[in-house]
Protein backbone atom coordinates (compact mmCIF):
# COMPACT_ATOMS: atom_id res chain seq x y z
CA MET A 1 -95.22 85.56 -329.89
CA LYS A 2 -93.54 84.11 -326.91
CA LYS A 3 -90.37 85.85 -325.65
CA VAL A 4 -87.28 83.86 -324.47
CA LEU A 5 -84.26 85.13 -322.64
CA ILE A 6 -81.16 83.04 -323.43
CA LEU A 7 -77.89 83.16 -321.43
CA ALA A 8 -75.04 82.01 -323.56
CA TYR A 9 -71.37 82.68 -322.77
CA ASP A 10 -70.21 81.47 -326.15
CA PHE A 11 -71.88 83.31 -328.98
CA PRO A 12 -70.88 84.68 -332.30
CA PRO A 13 -68.69 86.41 -333.38
CA TYR A 14 -66.88 83.77 -331.13
CA THR A 15 -66.72 80.75 -333.45
CA SER A 16 -66.73 77.71 -331.00
CA VAL A 17 -68.99 74.75 -331.41
CA GLY A 18 -70.48 75.95 -328.25
CA ALA A 19 -71.36 79.21 -329.69
CA GLN A 20 -73.10 77.67 -332.74
CA ARG A 21 -75.88 75.82 -330.57
CA PRO A 22 -77.39 79.03 -329.03
CA TYR A 23 -76.77 81.00 -332.23
CA SER A 24 -79.17 78.31 -334.15
CA TRP A 25 -81.89 79.13 -331.50
CA PHE A 26 -81.40 82.82 -332.09
CA LYS A 27 -81.38 82.25 -336.01
CA TYR A 28 -84.50 80.07 -336.19
CA PHE A 29 -86.67 80.61 -333.11
CA LYS A 30 -88.93 83.24 -334.84
CA LYS A 31 -89.88 80.74 -337.55
CA TYR A 32 -91.61 78.95 -334.43
CA ASN A 33 -93.17 82.14 -333.05
CA ILE A 34 -90.42 82.72 -330.45
CA GLU A 35 -88.64 85.99 -330.05
CA PRO A 36 -85.11 85.47 -328.63
CA ILE A 37 -83.13 87.83 -326.50
CA VAL A 38 -79.58 86.68 -325.94
CA VAL A 39 -77.19 88.05 -323.21
CA SER A 40 -73.62 87.07 -323.76
CA ARG A 41 -70.15 88.42 -323.04
CA ASN A 42 -68.44 90.86 -325.40
CA TRP A 43 -65.94 89.17 -327.50
CA ASP A 44 -64.41 92.39 -329.25
CA GLY A 45 -63.32 90.36 -332.23
CA ILE A 46 -61.54 87.59 -330.29
CA GLN A 47 -60.79 84.46 -332.23
CA TYR A 48 -61.64 81.03 -330.94
CA ASN A 49 -58.92 79.22 -329.24
CA SER A 50 -56.97 82.42 -328.71
CA ILE A 51 -55.46 83.29 -325.31
CA GLU A 52 -56.88 86.80 -325.67
CA ALA A 53 -60.31 85.20 -325.09
CA PHE A 54 -59.42 84.82 -321.46
CA THR A 55 -56.84 87.47 -320.83
CA GLN A 56 -58.07 90.50 -322.62
CA LYS A 57 -60.37 93.06 -321.00
CA THR A 58 -63.19 94.18 -323.05
CA SER A 59 -65.11 97.36 -323.27
CA ASP A 60 -66.93 98.44 -320.07
CA GLN A 61 -70.10 99.19 -322.03
CA VAL A 62 -72.91 96.95 -322.90
CA ASN A 63 -73.12 96.46 -326.75
CA LYS A 64 -76.76 95.90 -327.82
CA LYS A 65 -77.55 94.77 -331.21
CA GLU A 66 -81.10 94.52 -332.59
CA LEU A 67 -81.43 92.31 -335.60
CA ALA A 68 -84.21 90.78 -337.60
CA GLU A 69 -83.80 87.49 -335.57
CA GLY A 70 -83.89 89.10 -332.17
CA THR A 71 -81.81 91.26 -329.77
CA ILE A 72 -78.33 90.46 -328.41
CA TYR A 73 -76.69 92.03 -325.44
CA TYR A 74 -72.82 91.76 -325.18
CA THR A 75 -71.59 92.51 -321.61
CA PRO A 76 -68.12 93.37 -320.28
CA TYR A 77 -65.52 91.02 -319.46
CA LYS A 78 -62.52 91.33 -317.12
CA PRO A 79 -59.87 88.60 -316.63
CA ASP A 80 -59.35 87.39 -313.03
CA LEU A 81 -56.04 86.49 -311.43
CA ARG A 82 -56.20 82.87 -312.84
CA ASP A 83 -56.53 84.23 -316.35
CA HIS A 84 -53.37 86.29 -315.97
CA PHE A 85 -51.36 83.08 -315.36
CA LEU A 86 -52.39 81.73 -318.80
CA GLN A 87 -49.77 83.91 -320.29
CA LYS A 88 -46.96 82.40 -318.08
CA ASP A 89 -45.02 79.30 -318.74
CA GLY A 90 -43.30 76.73 -316.47
CA GLN A 91 -44.49 73.89 -314.21
CA ILE A 92 -44.97 76.20 -311.11
CA ASN A 93 -47.06 78.58 -312.82
CA ALA A 94 -49.12 75.84 -314.36
CA PHE A 95 -49.67 74.28 -310.86
CA ILE A 96 -50.69 77.88 -309.68
CA ARG A 97 -53.16 78.13 -312.52
CA ARG A 98 -54.68 74.72 -311.63
CA CYS A 99 -54.95 75.76 -307.98
CA LEU A 100 -56.65 79.17 -309.05
CA SER A 101 -58.88 77.35 -311.46
CA LEU A 102 -60.16 75.18 -308.58
CA PHE A 103 -60.52 78.25 -306.33
CA TYR A 104 -62.42 80.45 -308.66
CA THR A 105 -64.73 77.33 -309.74
CA ILE A 106 -65.84 77.04 -306.19
CA ALA A 107 -65.68 80.63 -305.18
CA ARG A 108 -67.83 81.94 -308.10
CA PHE A 109 -70.76 79.67 -306.87
CA VAL A 110 -70.29 80.97 -303.16
CA SER A 111 -70.04 84.77 -304.00
CA PHE A 112 -70.45 87.12 -306.97
CA ARG A 113 -67.34 88.80 -305.77
CA PHE A 114 -65.14 86.10 -307.41
CA ASP A 115 -67.27 85.77 -310.61
CA ASN A 116 -65.96 87.69 -313.81
CA ARG A 117 -68.99 86.64 -315.67
CA LYS A 118 -71.43 88.15 -313.44
CA SER A 119 -71.95 91.04 -315.98
CA ILE A 120 -74.26 88.56 -318.04
CA TYR A 121 -76.27 88.14 -314.87
CA ASP A 122 -76.58 91.76 -314.12
CA GLN A 123 -77.66 92.49 -317.68
CA ALA A 124 -79.99 89.67 -317.86
CA ARG A 125 -81.73 90.91 -314.55
CA LYS A 126 -82.05 94.38 -316.15
CA VAL A 127 -83.73 92.96 -319.24
CA LEU A 128 -86.24 91.15 -316.97
CA GLN A 129 -86.84 94.31 -314.89
CA GLU A 130 -87.69 96.21 -318.09
CA ASP A 131 -89.63 93.64 -319.98
CA ASP A 132 -92.30 91.78 -318.10
CA SER A 133 -93.41 89.73 -321.34
CA ILE A 134 -90.52 87.22 -321.29
CA GLU A 135 -92.01 83.79 -320.55
CA VAL A 136 -88.95 81.51 -320.33
CA ILE A 137 -85.37 81.67 -319.42
CA ILE A 138 -82.76 79.19 -321.22
CA ALA A 139 -79.12 78.84 -319.87
CA THR A 140 -76.77 76.85 -321.88
CA GLY A 141 -73.49 75.52 -320.72
CA GLU A 142 -70.48 76.04 -320.47
CA PRO A 143 -69.78 77.70 -318.19
CA PHE A 144 -72.22 76.19 -315.89
CA ILE A 145 -72.24 79.25 -313.69
CA LEU A 146 -74.96 80.38 -316.08
CA PHE A 147 -77.27 77.84 -314.32
CA LYS A 148 -76.81 79.82 -311.20
CA TYR A 149 -77.96 82.91 -312.76
CA ALA A 150 -80.95 81.32 -314.39
CA HIS A 151 -81.85 79.72 -310.98
CA LEU A 152 -81.66 83.09 -309.25
CA LEU A 153 -83.58 84.87 -311.97
CA SER A 154 -86.27 82.36 -312.24
CA LYS A 155 -86.97 82.69 -308.31
CA GLU A 156 -86.88 86.42 -308.47
CA PHE A 157 -89.07 86.91 -311.47
CA SER A 158 -91.26 83.79 -311.29
CA ILE A 159 -90.38 82.74 -314.70
CA PRO A 160 -89.68 79.00 -315.74
CA TRP A 161 -86.11 78.22 -316.77
CA HIS A 162 -84.61 75.49 -319.11
CA ALA A 163 -81.19 74.03 -318.45
CA ASP A 164 -79.33 73.16 -321.73
CA TYR A 165 -76.18 71.18 -321.05
CA ARG A 166 -74.84 70.25 -324.43
CA ASP A 167 -72.03 68.21 -322.71
CA ASP A 168 -72.62 66.77 -319.35
CA TRP A 169 -71.30 69.02 -316.41
CA ILE A 170 -70.23 66.38 -313.76
CA ASN A 171 -69.71 63.30 -316.00
CA ASN A 172 -68.08 65.09 -318.81
CA HIS A 173 -66.84 62.43 -321.35
CA SER A 174 -63.88 64.69 -322.31
CA GLN A 175 -62.41 64.57 -318.80
CA VAL A 176 -62.13 60.76 -318.17
CA ASN A 177 -58.40 61.19 -317.44
CA ALA A 178 -58.91 64.35 -315.20
CA SER A 179 -56.35 65.27 -312.58
CA ILE A 180 -57.29 64.81 -308.89
CA LEU A 181 -57.92 68.70 -308.72
CA VAL A 182 -60.55 68.46 -311.62
CA LYS A 183 -62.24 65.45 -309.90
CA LEU A 184 -62.34 67.11 -306.61
CA THR A 185 -63.90 70.26 -308.27
CA LYS A 186 -66.57 67.91 -309.87
CA ARG A 187 -67.57 66.39 -306.50
CA ILE A 188 -68.01 69.95 -305.20
CA GLU A 189 -69.83 71.17 -308.40
CA ALA A 190 -72.35 68.16 -308.07
CA ILE A 191 -73.64 69.93 -304.88
CA TRP A 192 -74.22 73.12 -306.72
CA GLU A 193 -75.79 71.39 -309.72
CA LYS A 194 -78.42 69.77 -307.56
CA LYS A 195 -79.09 73.05 -305.73
CA TYR A 196 -79.42 75.25 -308.88
CA LEU A 197 -81.58 72.72 -310.60
CA SER A 198 -84.10 72.58 -307.81
CA ASN A 199 -86.40 74.86 -309.47
CA VAL A 200 -85.74 74.16 -313.17
CA ALA A 201 -88.59 73.26 -315.54
CA SER A 202 -86.57 71.08 -317.78
CA ILE A 203 -83.19 70.04 -319.13
CA SER A 204 -81.75 69.11 -322.56
CA SER A 205 -78.55 67.60 -323.89
CA VAL A 206 -77.37 66.00 -327.15
CA SER A 207 -77.98 62.33 -326.42
CA THR A 208 -80.46 60.13 -324.56
CA PHE A 209 -77.65 58.64 -322.59
CA ILE A 210 -76.57 62.09 -321.26
CA VAL A 211 -80.20 63.18 -320.49
CA ASP A 212 -80.97 59.97 -318.56
CA GLU A 213 -77.84 60.43 -316.47
CA ILE A 214 -78.60 64.12 -315.76
CA LEU A 215 -82.23 63.25 -314.79
CA LYS A 216 -81.29 60.24 -312.60
CA ARG A 217 -78.56 62.31 -310.88
CA THR A 218 -80.58 65.53 -310.11
CA GLY A 219 -84.15 64.26 -309.85
CA VAL A 220 -85.26 66.72 -312.50
CA LYS A 221 -88.54 65.33 -314.21
CA ASN A 222 -88.49 66.62 -317.77
CA GLY A 223 -85.52 66.03 -320.10
CA TYR A 224 -85.08 66.30 -323.89
CA VAL A 225 -82.46 65.46 -326.57
CA ILE A 226 -81.58 68.42 -328.57
CA GLU A 227 -78.82 67.24 -331.04
CA ASN A 228 -76.12 69.68 -332.14
CA GLY A 229 -77.01 69.36 -335.86
CA VAL A 230 -75.61 71.24 -338.78
CA ASP A 231 -76.60 74.56 -340.37
CA LEU A 232 -77.90 73.15 -343.76
CA ASP A 233 -77.63 76.68 -345.30
CA LEU A 234 -73.93 76.43 -345.09
CA VAL A 235 -73.92 72.98 -346.61
CA ARG A 236 -75.98 74.15 -349.56
CA ASP A 237 -73.80 77.47 -350.12
CA ASN A 238 -70.59 75.76 -349.72
CA SER A 239 -70.42 72.49 -351.28
CA VAL A 240 -67.58 71.85 -353.79
CA SER A 241 -66.26 69.21 -356.05
CA VAL A 242 -64.46 66.33 -354.60
CA ASP A 243 -60.68 66.71 -354.66
CA ASN A 244 -58.51 64.69 -357.24
CA ASP A 245 -56.51 63.21 -354.38
CA PHE A 246 -57.61 60.54 -351.97
CA LEU A 247 -58.17 63.36 -349.46
CA ILE A 248 -58.62 62.37 -345.79
CA SER A 249 -59.58 65.48 -343.60
CA TYR A 250 -60.16 66.19 -339.78
CA THR A 251 -61.65 69.28 -338.91
CA GLY A 252 -61.71 70.59 -335.25
CA ILE A 253 -59.92 70.44 -331.94
CA MET A 254 -58.59 67.21 -330.46
CA TYR A 255 -58.90 66.10 -326.69
CA ASP A 256 -56.26 64.50 -324.76
CA PHE A 257 -57.01 60.86 -325.64
CA PRO A 258 -55.04 57.90 -327.07
CA TYR A 259 -57.21 57.60 -330.12
CA MET A 260 -54.49 58.69 -332.67
CA VAL A 261 -52.49 55.55 -331.61
CA PRO A 262 -54.62 53.00 -333.64
CA PHE A 263 -54.88 55.68 -336.49
CA LYS A 264 -51.22 56.30 -336.90
CA GLU A 265 -50.66 52.48 -337.03
CA GLY A 266 -53.35 51.92 -339.57
CA PHE A 267 -52.42 54.97 -341.67
CA THR A 268 -48.89 54.00 -341.79
CA GLN A 269 -49.68 50.56 -342.91
CA PHE A 270 -52.12 51.87 -345.50
CA LEU A 271 -49.31 54.27 -347.06
CA SER A 272 -46.77 51.44 -347.12
CA LYS A 273 -49.22 48.98 -348.68
CA ASN A 274 -50.01 51.35 -351.50
CA ASN A 275 -46.37 52.21 -352.25
CA PHE A 276 -46.74 55.64 -350.71
CA ASP A 277 -49.02 56.98 -353.48
CA PRO A 278 -48.48 60.83 -353.61
CA HIS A 279 -52.24 61.16 -353.91
CA ILE A 280 -52.91 59.87 -350.69
CA GLN A 281 -53.39 63.24 -348.60
CA LEU A 282 -54.14 63.46 -344.82
CA GLN A 283 -54.93 66.94 -343.31
CA PHE A 284 -55.84 68.08 -339.94
CA ILE A 285 -57.52 71.38 -339.83
CA GLY A 286 -57.63 73.75 -336.55
CA ILE A 287 -55.36 71.95 -334.29
CA ASP A 288 -52.09 74.01 -334.83
CA SER A 289 -52.56 75.68 -331.60
CA GLN A 290 -53.09 72.48 -329.52
CA ASP A 291 -50.65 70.64 -327.44
CA ASN A 292 -51.60 67.17 -326.20
CA GLN A 293 -50.89 63.45 -326.68
CA ALA A 294 -53.19 63.17 -329.70
CA VAL A 295 -51.71 66.27 -331.40
CA ALA A 296 -48.17 64.93 -330.61
CA LEU A 297 -48.93 61.88 -332.73
CA VAL A 298 -50.31 64.00 -335.48
CA ARG A 299 -47.13 65.89 -335.49
CA GLU A 300 -45.11 62.65 -335.41
CA LEU A 301 -47.00 61.72 -338.70
CA VAL A 302 -46.34 64.93 -340.31
CA ASN A 303 -42.81 64.57 -339.66
CA MET A 304 -42.67 61.00 -340.81
CA PHE A 305 -44.78 61.62 -344.12
CA PRO A 306 -44.40 65.27 -345.00
CA GLN A 307 -45.23 64.60 -348.45
CA HIS A 308 -48.75 63.08 -347.28
CA CYS A 309 -49.60 64.83 -344.04
CA SER A 310 -50.36 68.26 -343.05
CA ILE A 311 -51.53 70.53 -340.21
CA LYS A 312 -53.50 73.52 -341.16
CA PRO A 313 -54.82 76.54 -339.31
CA ARG A 314 -58.46 76.85 -338.01
CA VAL A 315 -60.97 77.94 -340.60
CA SER A 316 -64.61 79.36 -340.55
CA MET A 317 -67.42 76.89 -340.35
CA ALA A 318 -68.24 77.69 -344.15
CA GLU A 319 -64.63 76.91 -345.18
CA SER A 320 -64.77 73.86 -343.01
CA ILE A 321 -67.86 72.47 -344.76
CA GLN A 322 -66.10 73.31 -348.19
CA ILE A 323 -63.11 70.98 -347.04
CA GLN A 324 -65.33 68.30 -345.90
CA SER A 325 -67.17 68.39 -349.25
CA SER A 326 -63.80 68.00 -351.14
CA SER A 327 -62.66 65.11 -349.16
CA ARG A 328 -62.99 61.39 -349.88
CA ILE A 329 -62.93 60.33 -346.10
CA LEU A 330 -63.76 62.34 -342.99
CA LEU A 331 -61.93 61.54 -339.87
CA ASN A 332 -63.62 61.73 -336.52
CA LEU A 333 -62.03 60.99 -332.99
CA ILE A 334 -64.36 60.04 -330.28
CA ALA A 335 -63.60 60.81 -326.61
CA GLY A 336 -66.61 59.05 -325.19
CA ASP A 337 -68.49 55.82 -325.67
CA PRO A 338 -70.09 56.01 -329.26
CA SER A 339 -72.84 53.50 -328.22
CA LYS A 340 -74.01 56.26 -325.76
CA GLY A 341 -74.38 58.92 -328.35
CA LEU A 342 -70.96 60.62 -327.48
CA VAL A 343 -69.82 61.09 -331.23
CA GLY A 344 -68.93 64.77 -331.44
CA ALA A 345 -70.71 67.66 -333.15
CA LYS A 346 -68.79 67.48 -336.48
CA VAL A 347 -70.38 64.19 -337.40
CA TYR A 348 -73.58 66.16 -338.51
CA SER A 349 -71.80 68.14 -341.00
CA TYR A 350 -69.80 65.25 -342.05
CA ALA A 351 -72.93 63.15 -342.64
CA ALA A 352 -74.64 66.04 -344.37
CA VAL A 353 -71.95 66.21 -347.13
CA LYS A 354 -72.50 62.52 -347.81
CA ARG A 355 -68.61 61.36 -347.16
CA PRO A 356 -67.86 58.30 -345.29
CA ILE A 357 -67.04 58.86 -341.74
CA LEU A 358 -64.28 56.96 -339.89
CA SER A 359 -64.59 57.43 -336.17
CA ILE A 360 -61.85 56.11 -333.73
CA THR A 361 -62.39 55.40 -330.20
CA SER A 362 -60.27 54.18 -327.31
CA HIS A 363 -63.12 52.40 -326.07
CA SER A 364 -63.73 48.51 -326.45
CA ASN A 365 -67.29 49.24 -327.44
CA MET A 366 -67.70 50.15 -331.19
CA ARG A 367 -71.43 50.29 -331.66
CA THR A 368 -72.82 53.69 -332.60
CA PHE A 369 -76.25 55.14 -332.42
CA PHE A 370 -75.35 57.12 -335.50
CA PHE A 371 -76.85 55.31 -338.59
CA GLU A 372 -75.73 52.01 -337.19
CA GLY A 373 -75.26 49.36 -339.98
CA ARG A 374 -75.12 51.88 -342.78
CA ASN A 375 -72.00 53.23 -344.78
CA ILE A 376 -72.52 56.60 -343.15
CA HIS A 377 -70.48 56.00 -339.87
CA THR A 378 -67.86 53.38 -339.09
CA VAL A 379 -66.29 53.11 -335.67
CA VAL A 380 -62.88 51.30 -335.15
CA ASN A 381 -60.43 51.06 -332.17
CA SER A 382 -57.55 49.23 -333.89
CA GLY A 383 -54.96 49.93 -336.66
CA GLU A 384 -56.29 46.86 -338.60
CA GLY A 385 -59.70 48.33 -338.49
CA VAL A 386 -58.29 51.87 -339.66
CA LEU A 387 -56.30 50.03 -342.51
CA ASN A 388 -59.50 47.90 -343.70
CA PHE A 389 -61.63 50.99 -343.76
CA LEU A 390 -59.06 53.10 -345.79
CA GLU A 391 -58.50 50.18 -348.24
CA LYS A 392 -62.29 49.80 -348.68
CA TYR A 393 -62.65 53.40 -349.97
CA TYR A 394 -59.26 53.54 -351.71
CA VAL A 395 -60.55 50.90 -354.19
CA PHE A 396 -63.37 53.20 -355.23
CA TYR A 397 -60.95 55.98 -355.71
CA LYS A 398 -58.64 53.94 -357.94
CA GLN A 399 -61.77 53.17 -360.02
CA GLY A 400 -62.54 56.70 -360.49
CA ILE A 401 -65.63 56.47 -358.25
CA THR A 402 -66.65 59.40 -356.12
CA PHE A 403 -68.32 57.53 -353.21
CA GLU A 404 -71.38 59.14 -351.48
CA THR A 405 -72.89 57.56 -348.50
CA ASP A 406 -76.64 56.16 -348.62
CA ILE A 407 -78.10 58.89 -346.32
CA TYR A 408 -81.53 60.16 -347.37
CA GLU A 409 -82.42 63.74 -347.79
CA ASP A 410 -85.01 63.53 -345.07
CA GLU A 411 -82.46 62.11 -342.88
CA ILE A 412 -80.23 64.98 -343.44
CA ARG A 413 -83.18 67.38 -342.75
CA LYS A 414 -83.38 65.70 -339.44
CA LEU A 415 -79.57 66.40 -338.74
CA SER A 416 -80.13 70.13 -339.28
CA ARG A 417 -79.92 72.78 -336.55
CA GLU A 418 -83.29 74.17 -337.72
CA TYR A 419 -84.89 70.79 -336.97
CA ASN A 420 -83.57 70.67 -333.59
CA VAL A 421 -84.69 74.35 -332.91
CA LYS A 422 -88.17 73.27 -333.90
CA LEU A 423 -88.04 70.50 -331.34
CA LEU A 424 -86.74 72.89 -328.60
CA SER A 425 -89.66 75.22 -329.48
CA GLN A 426 -92.09 72.45 -328.93
CA TYR A 427 -90.59 71.47 -325.56
CA LEU A 428 -90.69 74.99 -324.40
CA ALA A 429 -94.35 75.39 -325.31
CA ILE A 430 -95.08 72.21 -323.17
CA ASN A 431 -93.27 73.66 -320.22
CA LYS A 432 -95.04 77.14 -320.52
């Protein structure tokens, strides 16, 4: 059985989308004759999107867990000076945080002295010193400092490594309107990216477009698409009956983009056109702790239509899938260009529960690679487009029809995280 060392900053019990990706490898690798060893940071029960994730010092001890799926090492974490400013308010402190973020982002690549994630590197190095049967190292971003660790470990121990980007490092679609400081940071990071990928065996990301961009930019030869996918065990175990209301649901965080502008316009018209039917319900799950222009528009909707709109706290992935299963329409907001495969991780679970997906983009391009031309995924960028979509499926609701999309079971299987783990295991075998 091949042994693989996985460097992953986000990992359960932390419940981010980024954590689910390496966890799926950990969960399924043994089915494909790979034994995973994960090195992550210690989360000490910290919840996702919590300020404690960055400001709370964890235990100084490495916590080792040996499970049927493989082995996990949780390493110590100590906040740096920048992290302490997360707890302070005010424009001056916000400016200081941004300056410190720039400093640490650059400095940690220059010297371990400024790197408060170094415990992951130290523990990974110790694992490799004690176990000479490990054949591959995988580092998954973010943070992309893990690529530096894998680069160094690969050189020291003569073990090939694979860089999993998930989202692009330098051309991140969620930072289109980034500040001057962020743009400056990216220019500097591009230098580090090319340096640390100089000995990488292969890379992967979630779409062909991103993979091609990375290969072109870095000169790496081997690149593979590993989509995010959905854990079908959760879908099977947590399916529920559809709600009696015409329930529209959004689950997950929101980026700072203007995509809520057309939705607010179209949804307002939809309510008015249907005499503010009390059975029309719109809920946003998990954005309660966020604050940006998109969330501000959601709050405006809630204030305007409190009988129809609500914001609810973040829930577990299992609860999220229950909510998706009970909904009539699933709302998705796209930060990037949908024609480039930038549709967001949540569309996989959305599609698996067979509910129509309404995606809203601020891009002029509304083409989608995701089941284009089917009733599974519709992309709009105007209030009129939102209104027409909602009207179409509201007719089914008024007729007493629970609408399911025309997605096939084999297509759902290929959306699964397990299927994508199978692909990754094949690619790792190629690069042995």
